[in-house]
Amino acid sequence: MLKYFFFGIGFVLIFEGLIYFFLANKMQAILEIFKNSNSDNIRFFSSILILLGLCLVYFTFKIYEI
């Protein structure tokens, strides 16, 4: 089970790194959008992403019977 945990963390780090790599020129503008956004909107959006991630993990384990 620990190998799946490390695989998941590694995959997340790769994905996050790719986002920053490909959007390096736009990062200041993206951070400015977050700076000007309402905290409740950011919390709502992050909650949706968390739920999506949990559903993805759940259905991956359920479908592949891991």
Protein backbone atom coordinates (compact mmCIF):
# COMPACT_ATOMS: atom_id res chain seq x y z
CA MET A 1 0.00 0.00 0.00
CA LEU A 2 2.88 2.34 0.75
CA LYS A 3 4.12 2.00 -2.83
CA TYR A 4 0.79 3.38 -4.09
CA PHE A 5 1.08 6.30 -1.69
CA PHE A 6 4.56 7.15 -2.96
CA PHE A 7 3.41 6.69 -6.55
CA GLY A 8 0.53 9.10 -5.96
CA ILE A 9 2.72 11.73 -4.31
CA GLY A 10 5.28 11.43 -7.11
CA PHE A 11 2.59 11.76 -9.76
CA VAL A 12 1.20 14.88 -8.10
CA LEU A 13 4.67 16.43 -7.90
CA ILE A 14 5.31 15.70 -11.58
CA PHE A 15 1.96 17.22 -12.57
CA GLU A 16 2.51 20.32 -10.42
CA GLY A 17 6.01 20.74 -11.81
CA LEU A 18 4.75 20.52 -15.38
CA ILE A 19 2.15 23.21 -14.73
CA TYR A 20 4.79 25.62 -13.42
CA PHE A 21 7.19 24.66 -16.21
CA PHE A 22 4.75 25.32 -19.04
CA LEU A 23 3.08 28.36 -17.47
CA ALA A 24 6.24 30.08 -16.19
CA ASN A 25 5.63 33.19 -18.33
CA LYS A 26 2.01 33.49 -17.16
CA MET A 27 2.61 32.73 -13.48
CA GLN A 28 2.71 36.37 -12.35
CA ALA A 29 -0.63 37.03 -14.03
CA ILE A 30 -2.17 33.90 -12.51
CA LEU A 31 -0.96 34.87 -9.04
CA GLU A 32 -2.38 38.38 -9.55
CA ILE A 33 -5.78 36.86 -10.35
CA PHE A 34 -5.64 34.87 -7.10
CA LYS A 35 -4.54 37.96 -5.20
CA ASN A 36 -7.56 39.92 -6.45
CA SER A 37 -10.03 37.06 -5.94
CA ASN A 38 -12.35 36.63 -2.99
CA SER A 39 -11.18 34.05 -0.43
CA ASP A 40 -14.55 32.29 -0.54
CA ASN A 41 -14.28 31.79 -4.31
CA ILE A 42 -10.80 30.30 -3.96
CA ARG A 43 -12.02 28.00 -1.16
CA PHE A 44 -14.99 26.87 -3.26
CA PHE A 45 -12.81 26.14 -6.29
CA SER A 46 -10.27 24.23 -4.20
CA SER A 47 -13.10 22.22 -2.56
CA ILE A 48 -14.32 21.18 -6.00
CA LEU A 49 -10.79 20.09 -6.95
CA ILE A 50 -10.42 18.11 -3.71
CA LEU A 51 -13.73 16.31 -4.32
CA LEU A 52 -12.74 15.59 -7.91
CA GLY A 53 -9.41 14.16 -6.75
CA LEU A 54 -11.07 12.00 -4.09
CA CYS A 55 -13.56 10.66 -6.65
CA LEU A 56 -10.74 9.91 -9.07
CA VAL A 57 -8.77 8.00 -6.43
CA TYR A 58 -11.87 6.13 -5.22
CA PHE A 59 -12.99 5.02 -8.67
CA THR A 60 -9.44 4.10 -9.68
CA PHE A 61 -9.17 1.77 -6.69
CA LYS A 62 -12.68 0.42 -7.28
CA ILE A 63 -12.28 -0.25 -11.01
CA TYR A 64 -8.79 -1.76 -10.83
CA GLU A 65 -9.49 -3.57 -7.53
CA ILE A 66 -6.29 -2.35 -5.92
